[in-house]
């Protein structure tokens, strides 16, 4: 894993716990959106419900 730049560390230390949690939530949502887009591209015949269920299962069991 790549180390964080010292400026990033400073910025995160200045944030409140709520701000850090908000960033984590944004990253989580972005990761799910990217996985969903990837699955839609790989499986254009899948329904939106199938994509949603598969993304949920992938994140629930931490699979790729």
C-alpha atoms as a PDB file:
ATOM      1  CA  UNK A   1       0.000   0.000   0.000  1.00  0.00           C
ATOM      2  CA  UNK A   2       1.247   3.462  -0.870  1.00  0.00           C
ATOM      3  CA  UNK A   3       2.156   5.769   2.012  1.00  0.00           C
ATOM      4  CA  UNK A   4       0.279   9.020   2.427  1.00  0.00           C
ATOM      5  CA  UNK A   5       2.008  12.279   1.703  1.00  0.00           C
ATOM      6  CA  UNK A   6       2.812  14.319   4.849  1.00  0.00           C
ATOM      7  CA  UNK A   7       0.461  17.074   3.648  1.00  0.00           C
ATOM      8  CA  UNK A   8      -2.381  14.551   3.417  1.00  0.00           C
ATOM      9  CA  UNK A   9      -1.682  13.436   6.974  1.00  0.00           C
ATOM     10  CA  UNK A  10      -1.768  17.055   8.172  1.00  0.00           C
ATOM     11  CA  UNK A  11      -5.064  17.657   6.389  1.00  0.00           C
ATOM     12  CA  UNK A  12      -6.683  14.553   7.878  1.00  0.00           C
ATOM     13  CA  UNK A  13      -5.468  15.422  11.377  1.00  0.00           C
ATOM     14  CA  UNK A  14      -7.154  18.835  11.098  1.00  0.00           C
ATOM     15  CA  UNK A  15     -10.508  17.230  10.233  1.00  0.00           C
ATOM     16  CA  UNK A  16     -13.153  16.367  12.749  1.00  0.00           C
ATOM     17  CA  UNK A  17     -14.171  12.718  13.112  1.00  0.00           C
ATOM     18  CA  UNK A  18     -17.425  13.579  11.329  1.00  0.00           C
ATOM     19  CA  UNK A  19     -15.517  14.999   8.355  1.00  0.00           C
ATOM     20  CA  UNK A  20     -13.322  11.905   8.135  1.00  0.00           C
ATOM     21  CA  UNK A  21     -16.389   9.676   8.345  1.00  0.00           C
ATOM     22  CA  UNK A  22     -18.051  11.663   5.555  1.00  0.00           C
ATOM     23  CA  UNK A  23     -15.008  11.138   3.332  1.00  0.00           C
ATOM     24  CA  UNK A  24     -15.031   7.409   4.082  1.00  0.00           C
ATOM     25  CA  UNK A  25     -18.722   7.249   3.174  1.00  0.00           C
ATOM     26  CA  UNK A  26     -18.084   9.091  -0.097  1.00  0.00           C
ATOM     27  CA  UNK A  27     -15.310   6.635  -0.963  1.00  0.00           C
ATOM     28  CA  UNK A  28     -17.557   3.678  -0.135  1.00  0.00           C
ATOM     29  CA  UNK A  29     -20.342   5.022  -2.373  1.00  0.00           C
ATOM     30  CA  UNK A  30     -17.872   5.756  -5.173  1.00  0.00           C
ATOM     31  CA  UNK A  31     -16.436   2.235  -4.972  1.00  0.00           C
ATOM     32  CA  UNK A  32     -19.921   0.726  -5.225  1.00  0.00           C
ATOM     33  CA  UNK A  33     -20.786   2.972  -8.175  1.00  0.00           C
ATOM     34  CA  UNK A  34     -17.589   1.969  -9.977  1.00  0.00           C
ATOM     35  CA  UNK A  35     -18.230  -1.733  -9.355  1.00  0.00           C
ATOM     36  CA  UNK A  36     -21.801  -1.316 -10.589  1.00  0.00           C
ATOM     37  CA  UNK A  37     -20.637   0.431 -13.771  1.00  0.00           C
ATOM     38  CA  UNK A  38     -18.040  -2.281 -14.367  1.00  0.00           C
ATOM     39  CA  UNK A  39     -20.617  -5.049 -13.965  1.00  0.00           C
ATOM     40  CA  UNK A  40     -23.035  -3.252 -16.309  1.00  0.00           C
ATOM     41  CA  UNK A  41     -20.280  -3.076 -18.909  1.00  0.00           C
ATOM     42  CA  UNK A  42     -19.320  -6.728 -18.480  1.00  0.00           C
ATOM     43  CA  UNK A  43     -22.921  -8.006 -18.336  1.00  0.00           C
ATOM     44  CA  UNK A  44     -25.157  -5.738 -20.447  1.00  0.00           C
ATOM     45  CA  UNK A  45     -27.910  -8.362 -20.335  1.00  0.00           C
ATOM     46  CA  UNK A  46     -28.204  -8.231 -16.516  1.00  0.00           C
ATOM     47  CA  UNK A  47     -31.106  -6.311 -15.002  1.00  0.00           C
ATOM     48  CA  UNK A  48     -30.513  -3.363 -12.682  1.00  0.00           C
ATOM     49  CA  UNK A  49     -31.769  -5.536  -9.830  1.00  0.00           C
ATOM     50  CA  UNK A  50     -29.215  -8.265 -10.650  1.00  0.00           C
ATOM     51  CA  UNK A  51     -26.438  -5.638 -10.749  1.00  0.00           C
ATOM     52  CA  UNK A  52     -27.581  -4.189  -7.412  1.00  0.00           C
ATOM     53  CA  UNK A  53     -27.766  -7.623  -5.771  1.00  0.00           C
ATOM     54  CA  UNK A  54     -24.346  -8.626  -7.106  1.00  0.00           C
ATOM     55  CA  UNK A  55     -22.712  -5.401  -5.901  1.00  0.00           C
ATOM     56  CA  UNK A  56     -24.301  -5.864  -2.477  1.00  0.00           C
ATOM     57  CA  UNK A  57     -23.004  -9.444  -2.295  1.00  0.00           C
ATOM     58  CA  UNK A  58     -19.507  -8.450  -3.445  1.00  0.00           C
ATOM     59  CA  UNK A  59     -19.228  -5.781  -0.769  1.00  0.00           C
ATOM     60  CA  UNK A  60     -20.850  -7.933   1.900  1.00  0.00           C
ATOM     61  CA  UNK A  61     -18.335 -10.745   1.407  1.00  0.00           C
ATOM     62  CA  UNK A  62     -15.415  -8.516   0.296  1.00  0.00           C
ATOM     63  CA  UNK A  63     -15.035 -10.286  -3.037  1.00  0.00           C
ATOM     64  CA  UNK A  64     -13.814  -8.868  -6.342  1.00  0.00           C
END
